Amino acid sequence: MGRTILLLALVSVSGVTCSAPFAVPTTLVVINDSYRFVPDTITVDRGTTVEWKNESSQYHVVQGDTTAPGGLQEMPLAPVGGQSRDYPETQWDLTMGDPGVYPYHCTLHLQMHGVVIVR
């Protein structure tokens, strides 16, 4: 009992909290009707989840330019309300692992480019 009280006292003095102990940070990249990734360059820490969300009226396929983390090879994204067998999702999440620079583009709209920098 004495150890429990000491431990509780240490936690309350140190300011340690237990709210969302396993929360994973998320960074959002939006695809808009101007055929852009917004923002087009992001810097995230290792373990951050990046979410690509299609808010445009067009279909998009996000693909890494080089060897990329698993999942960035091809992400087909439907416009909202345009889901199909080939494009079942309007958003795609990927947790970034290894540090590096990962450029990507839309294979359907070659003017669309983005970069994920993982620290």
N, C-alpha and C. Protein backbone atom coordinates (compact mmCIF):
# COMPACT_ATOMS: atom_id res chain seq x y z
N MET A 1 0.83 -1.19 0.00
CA MET A 1 0.00 0.00 0.00
C MET A 1 0.87 1.25 0.00
N GLY A 2 1.95 1.24 0.79
CA GLY A 2 2.85 2.38 0.86
C GLY A 2 3.48 2.69 -0.50
N ARG A 3 3.81 1.63 -1.28
CA ARG A 3 4.41 1.83 -2.61
C ARG A 3 3.40 2.45 -3.56
N THR A 4 2.14 2.03 -3.49
CA THR A 4 1.10 2.58 -4.35
C THR A 4 0.92 4.07 -4.10
N ILE A 5 0.88 4.47 -2.85
CA ILE A 5 0.73 5.89 -2.51
C ILE A 5 1.93 6.67 -2.99
N LEU A 6 3.14 6.13 -2.84
CA LEU A 6 4.35 6.80 -3.31
C LEU A 6 4.32 6.95 -4.82
N LEU A 7 3.93 5.90 -5.53
CA LEU A 7 3.84 5.96 -6.98
C LEU A 7 2.83 7.00 -7.42
N LEU A 8 1.66 7.03 -6.82
CA LEU A 8 0.64 8.03 -7.17
C LEU A 8 1.14 9.44 -6.89
N ALA A 9 1.86 9.61 -5.80
CA ALA A 9 2.41 10.93 -5.48
C ALA A 9 3.44 11.35 -6.51
N LEU A 10 4.29 10.44 -6.96
CA LEU A 10 5.29 10.76 -7.97
C LEU A 10 4.65 11.13 -9.30
N VAL A 11 3.61 10.40 -9.69
CA VAL A 11 2.92 10.69 -10.94
C VAL A 11 2.26 12.05 -10.88
N SER A 12 1.61 12.37 -9.77
CA SER A 12 0.93 13.66 -9.68
C SER A 12 1.91 14.81 -9.63
N VAL A 13 3.07 14.63 -9.03
CA VAL A 13 4.08 15.69 -8.97
C VAL A 13 4.76 15.86 -10.32
N SER A 14 4.99 14.76 -11.04
CA SER A 14 5.72 14.84 -12.31
C SER A 14 4.87 15.40 -13.44
N GLY A 15 3.55 15.37 -13.30
CA GLY A 15 2.68 15.90 -14.35
C GLY A 15 2.41 14.89 -15.45
N VAL A 16 2.82 13.64 -15.27
CA VAL A 16 2.57 12.61 -16.26
C VAL A 16 1.08 12.33 -16.32
N THR A 17 0.56 12.25 -17.53
CA THR A 17 -0.84 11.92 -17.69
C THR A 17 -0.97 10.67 -18.55
N CYS A 18 -2.11 10.08 -18.52
CA CYS A 18 -2.35 8.87 -19.28
C CYS A 18 -3.37 9.10 -20.39
N SER A 19 -3.66 10.31 -20.74
CA SER A 19 -4.63 10.55 -21.79
C SER A 19 -4.03 10.19 -23.14
N ALA A 20 -4.72 9.34 -23.88
CA ALA A 20 -4.33 8.89 -25.21
C ALA A 20 -2.88 8.41 -25.24
N PRO A 21 -2.53 7.40 -24.46
CA PRO A 21 -1.14 6.97 -24.40
C PRO A 21 -0.64 6.35 -25.70
N PHE A 22 -1.54 5.88 -26.56
CA PHE A 22 -1.12 5.24 -27.78
C PHE A 22 -1.56 6.03 -29.01
N ALA A 23 -1.82 7.30 -28.86
CA ALA A 23 -2.27 8.13 -29.97
C ALA A 23 -1.15 8.25 -31.01
N VAL A 24 -1.50 8.04 -32.28
CA VAL A 24 -0.55 8.17 -33.37
C VAL A 24 -0.86 9.48 -34.08
N PRO A 25 0.15 10.36 -34.23
CA PRO A 25 -0.13 11.61 -34.92
C PRO A 25 -0.52 11.36 -36.39
N THR A 26 -1.43 12.18 -36.88
CA THR A 26 -1.88 12.07 -38.26
C THR A 26 -1.69 13.39 -38.97
N THR A 27 -1.21 13.32 -40.21
CA THR A 27 -1.05 14.50 -41.05
C THR A 27 -1.95 14.30 -42.27
N LEU A 28 -2.73 15.32 -42.62
CA LEU A 28 -3.69 15.24 -43.72
C LEU A 28 -3.14 15.91 -44.97
N VAL A 29 -3.25 15.21 -46.11
CA VAL A 29 -2.97 15.78 -47.43
C VAL A 29 -4.26 15.71 -48.21
N VAL A 30 -4.75 16.84 -48.66
CA VAL A 30 -6.02 16.92 -49.38
C VAL A 30 -5.76 17.05 -50.87
N ILE A 31 -6.53 16.33 -51.65
CA ILE A 31 -6.49 16.49 -53.11
C ILE A 31 -7.69 17.35 -53.47
N ASN A 32 -7.42 18.49 -54.13
CA ASN A 32 -8.51 19.42 -54.41
C ASN A 32 -8.83 19.50 -55.91
N ASP A 33 -9.82 20.29 -56.26
CA ASP A 33 -10.24 20.41 -57.66
C ASP A 33 -9.27 21.22 -58.51
N SER A 34 -8.24 21.78 -57.92
CA SER A 34 -7.21 22.49 -58.69
C SER A 34 -6.08 21.54 -59.08
N TYR A 35 -6.32 20.23 -58.95
CA TYR A 35 -5.33 19.21 -59.28
C TYR A 35 -4.04 19.42 -58.51
N ARG A 36 -4.18 19.55 -57.19
CA ARG A 36 -3.02 19.76 -56.31
C ARG A 36 -3.15 18.90 -55.07
N PHE A 37 -1.99 18.54 -54.51
CA PHE A 37 -1.92 17.96 -53.18
C PHE A 37 -1.70 19.13 -52.23
N VAL A 38 -2.52 19.28 -51.22
CA VAL A 38 -2.41 20.41 -50.29
C VAL A 38 -2.24 19.88 -48.88
N PRO A 39 -1.07 20.12 -48.27
CA PRO A 39 0.13 20.72 -48.83
C PRO A 39 0.85 19.71 -49.73
N ASP A 40 1.69 20.24 -50.62
CA ASP A 40 2.38 19.34 -51.55
C ASP A 40 3.67 18.78 -50.96
N THR A 41 4.18 19.37 -49.89
CA THR A 41 5.35 18.86 -49.20
C THR A 41 5.06 18.85 -47.70
N ILE A 42 5.29 17.69 -47.09
CA ILE A 42 5.09 17.59 -45.64
C ILE A 42 6.33 16.96 -45.01
N THR A 43 6.61 17.35 -43.79
CA THR A 43 7.68 16.75 -43.00
C THR A 43 7.05 16.17 -41.76
N VAL A 44 7.27 14.87 -41.56
CA VAL A 44 6.65 14.17 -40.43
C VAL A 44 7.71 13.36 -39.70
N ASP A 45 7.40 13.02 -38.47
CA ASP A 45 8.26 12.14 -37.70
C ASP A 45 7.93 10.69 -38.04
N ARG A 46 8.92 9.85 -37.90
CA ARG A 46 8.73 8.41 -38.08
C ARG A 46 7.57 7.95 -37.19
N GLY A 47 6.68 7.13 -37.73
CA GLY A 47 5.53 6.65 -36.99
C GLY A 47 4.28 7.47 -37.18
N THR A 48 4.40 8.61 -37.88
CA THR A 48 3.23 9.45 -38.15
C THR A 48 2.40 8.82 -39.26
N THR A 49 1.09 8.88 -39.12
CA THR A 49 0.20 8.40 -40.18
C THR A 49 -0.14 9.57 -41.09
N VAL A 50 0.06 9.37 -42.38
CA VAL A 50 -0.30 10.38 -43.38
C VAL A 50 -1.58 9.90 -44.05
N GLU A 51 -2.56 10.80 -44.14
CA GLU A 51 -3.84 10.48 -44.76
C GLU A 51 -3.99 11.33 -46.02
N TRP A 52 -4.14 10.67 -47.16
CA TRP A 52 -4.46 11.35 -48.40
C TRP A 52 -5.97 11.27 -48.55
N LYS A 53 -6.61 12.42 -48.75
CA LYS A 53 -8.07 12.47 -48.84
C LYS A 53 -8.47 13.19 -50.13
N ASN A 54 -9.26 12.51 -50.93
CA ASN A 54 -9.71 13.08 -52.19
C ASN A 54 -10.97 13.90 -51.96
N GLU A 55 -10.84 15.21 -52.06
CA GLU A 55 -11.99 16.10 -51.95
C GLU A 55 -12.31 16.75 -53.29
N SER A 56 -11.77 16.16 -54.36
CA SER A 56 -12.02 16.70 -55.70
C SER A 56 -13.16 15.92 -56.36
N SER A 57 -13.50 16.34 -57.57
CA SER A 57 -14.55 15.65 -58.32
C SER A 57 -13.96 14.67 -59.33
N GLN A 58 -12.66 14.40 -59.22
CA GLN A 58 -11.95 13.51 -60.16
C GLN A 58 -11.39 12.29 -59.46
N TYR A 59 -11.14 11.25 -60.23
CA TYR A 59 -10.43 10.07 -59.72
C TYR A 59 -8.93 10.37 -59.73
N HIS A 60 -8.18 9.81 -58.76
CA HIS A 60 -6.74 9.99 -58.67
C HIS A 60 -6.09 8.68 -58.26
N VAL A 61 -4.85 8.49 -58.71
CA VAL A 61 -4.05 7.34 -58.27
C VAL A 61 -2.72 7.90 -57.79
N VAL A 62 -2.50 7.85 -56.48
CA VAL A 62 -1.26 8.35 -55.89
C VAL A 62 -0.24 7.22 -55.93
N GLN A 63 0.97 7.55 -56.43
CA GLN A 63 2.01 6.54 -56.54
C GLN A 63 3.37 7.15 -56.22
N GLY A 64 4.19 6.41 -55.50
CA GLY A 64 5.54 6.85 -55.18
C GLY A 64 6.41 6.90 -56.41
N ASP A 65 7.32 7.89 -56.48
CA ASP A 65 8.24 8.02 -57.61
C ASP A 65 9.39 7.02 -57.55
N THR A 66 9.76 6.64 -56.35
CA THR A 66 10.90 5.74 -56.14
C THR A 66 10.47 4.66 -55.17
N THR A 67 11.42 3.88 -54.72
CA THR A 67 11.12 2.89 -53.70
C THR A 67 10.53 3.62 -52.51
N ALA A 68 9.35 3.25 -52.14
CA ALA A 68 8.62 3.99 -51.11
C ALA A 68 8.16 3.02 -50.04
N PRO A 69 7.73 3.55 -48.91
CA PRO A 69 7.17 2.68 -47.87
C PRO A 69 6.01 1.87 -48.44
N GLY A 70 5.83 0.67 -47.93
CA GLY A 70 4.72 -0.17 -48.38
C GLY A 70 3.41 0.59 -48.36
N GLY A 71 2.68 0.55 -49.43
CA GLY A 71 1.39 1.24 -49.49
C GLY A 71 1.42 2.49 -50.33
N LEU A 72 2.61 3.06 -50.55
CA LEU A 72 2.69 4.28 -51.38
C LEU A 72 2.94 3.91 -52.84
N GLN A 73 2.94 2.62 -53.14
CA GLN A 73 3.16 2.21 -54.53
C GLN A 73 1.96 2.56 -55.40
N GLU A 74 0.77 2.38 -54.91
CA GLU A 74 -0.41 2.74 -55.69
C GLU A 74 -1.63 2.86 -54.78
N MET A 75 -2.19 4.07 -54.74
CA MET A 75 -3.36 4.33 -53.90
C MET A 75 -4.46 4.92 -54.78
N PRO A 76 -5.39 4.10 -55.28
CA PRO A 76 -6.49 4.64 -56.08
C PRO A 76 -7.51 5.33 -55.17
N LEU A 77 -7.85 6.57 -55.51
CA LEU A 77 -8.78 7.35 -54.70
C LEU A 77 -9.95 7.85 -55.54
N ALA A 78 -11.14 7.52 -55.10
CA ALA A 78 -12.36 7.95 -55.79
C ALA A 78 -12.78 9.33 -55.28
N PRO A 79 -13.49 10.09 -56.11
CA PRO A 79 -14.11 11.30 -55.58
C PRO A 79 -15.24 10.90 -54.64
N VAL A 80 -15.63 11.80 -53.76
CA VAL A 80 -16.72 11.51 -52.83
C VAL A 80 -17.97 11.13 -53.62
N GLY A 81 -18.55 10.00 -53.30
CA GLY A 81 -19.73 9.52 -54.00
C GLY A 81 -19.43 8.78 -55.29
N GLY A 82 -18.16 8.63 -55.63
CA GLY A 82 -17.79 7.97 -56.88
C GLY A 82 -17.09 6.64 -56.69
N GLN A 83 -17.27 6.04 -55.51
CA GLN A 83 -16.61 4.78 -55.23
C GLN A 83 -17.09 3.69 -56.20
N SER A 84 -16.14 2.83 -56.58
CA SER A 84 -16.44 1.73 -57.48
C SER A 84 -15.57 0.54 -57.09
N ARG A 85 -15.66 -0.52 -57.86
CA ARG A 85 -14.83 -1.69 -57.58
C ARG A 85 -13.35 -1.34 -57.74
N ASP A 86 -13.00 -0.56 -58.74
CA ASP A 86 -11.61 -0.17 -58.99
C ASP A 86 -11.15 0.96 -58.07
N TYR A 87 -12.08 1.77 -57.59
CA TYR A 87 -11.78 2.90 -56.71
C TYR A 87 -12.69 2.84 -55.48
N PRO A 88 -12.41 1.93 -54.54
CA PRO A 88 -13.33 1.74 -53.42
C PRO A 88 -13.21 2.78 -52.31
N GLU A 89 -12.13 3.55 -52.28
CA GLU A 89 -11.87 4.47 -51.16
C GLU A 89 -11.75 5.91 -51.62
N THR A 90 -12.12 6.85 -50.73
CA THR A 90 -11.89 8.28 -51.00
C THR A 90 -10.70 8.80 -50.20
N GLN A 91 -10.17 7.96 -49.31
CA GLN A 91 -8.99 8.35 -48.53
C GLN A 91 -8.11 7.13 -48.32
N TRP A 92 -6.84 7.39 -48.02
CA TRP A 92 -5.88 6.31 -47.83
C TRP A 92 -4.93 6.74 -46.73
N ASP A 93 -4.70 5.88 -45.76
CA ASP A 93 -3.79 6.16 -44.65
C ASP A 93 -2.55 5.30 -44.77
N LEU A 94 -1.40 5.88 -44.45
CA LEU A 94 -0.14 5.15 -44.47
C LEU A 94 0.72 5.64 -43.31
N THR A 95 1.16 4.71 -42.46
CA THR A 95 2.05 5.07 -41.35
C THR A 95 3.47 5.03 -41.87
N MET A 96 4.15 6.16 -41.72
CA MET A 96 5.49 6.32 -42.27
C MET A 96 6.52 5.68 -41.34
N GLY A 97 7.36 4.83 -41.90
CA GLY A 97 8.34 4.10 -41.11
C GLY A 97 9.74 4.68 -41.24
N ASP A 98 10.47 4.23 -42.22
CA ASP A 98 11.88 4.59 -42.35
C ASP A 98 12.07 6.05 -42.72
N PRO A 99 13.01 6.73 -42.06
CA PRO A 99 13.33 8.11 -42.43
C PRO A 99 13.80 8.18 -43.89
N GLY A 100 13.46 9.29 -44.54
CA GLY A 100 13.87 9.48 -45.93
C GLY A 100 12.99 10.50 -46.60
N VAL A 101 13.24 10.70 -47.90
CA VAL A 101 12.47 11.63 -48.73
C VAL A 101 11.72 10.78 -49.74
N TYR A 102 10.39 10.94 -49.76
CA TYR A 102 9.54 10.11 -50.60
C TYR A 102 8.68 10.97 -51.53
N PRO A 103 9.15 11.24 -52.76
CA PRO A 103 8.33 11.97 -53.72
C PRO A 103 7.24 11.06 -54.29
N TYR A 104 6.12 11.66 -54.65
CA TYR A 104 5.01 10.90 -55.22
C TYR A 104 4.28 11.77 -56.23
N HIS A 105 3.39 11.16 -57.00
CA HIS A 105 2.62 11.89 -58.01
C HIS A 105 1.29 11.17 -58.25
N CYS A 106 0.43 11.80 -59.01
CA CYS A 106 -0.82 11.18 -59.46
C CYS A 106 -0.57 10.63 -60.86
N THR A 107 -0.82 9.34 -61.05
CA THR A 107 -0.56 8.73 -62.36
C THR A 107 -1.58 9.16 -63.42
N LEU A 108 -2.72 9.70 -62.99
CA LEU A 108 -3.74 10.16 -63.94
C LEU A 108 -3.57 11.62 -64.32
N HIS A 109 -2.92 12.40 -63.46
CA HIS A 109 -2.74 13.84 -63.69
C HIS A 109 -1.28 14.16 -63.40
N LEU A 110 -0.45 14.12 -64.42
CA LEU A 110 1.01 14.16 -64.25
C LEU A 110 1.53 15.48 -63.68
N GLN A 111 0.69 16.52 -63.66
CA GLN A 111 1.12 17.79 -63.06
C GLN A 111 1.06 17.76 -61.54
N MET A 112 0.48 16.72 -60.98
CA MET A 112 0.30 16.63 -59.52
C MET A 112 1.49 15.90 -58.89
N HIS A 113 2.24 16.63 -58.05
CA HIS A 113 3.41 16.06 -57.37
C HIS A 113 3.38 16.43 -55.89
N GLY A 114 3.95 15.57 -55.07
CA GLY A 114 4.07 15.83 -53.66
C GLY A 114 5.30 15.14 -53.09
N VAL A 115 5.67 15.50 -51.86
CA VAL A 115 6.83 14.90 -51.20
C VAL A 115 6.50 14.70 -49.73
N VAL A 116 6.85 13.51 -49.21
CA VAL A 116 6.78 13.24 -47.78
C VAL A 116 8.22 13.10 -47.30
N ILE A 117 8.60 13.91 -46.33
CA ILE A 117 9.92 13.83 -45.71
C ILE A 117 9.71 13.23 -44.31
N VAL A 118 10.35 12.10 -44.07
CA VAL A 118 10.20 11.42 -42.78
C VAL A 118 11.50 11.58 -42.01
N ARG A 119 11.40 12.13 -40.77
CA ARG A 119 12.59 12.33 -39.93
C ARG A 119 12.75 11.17 -38.99
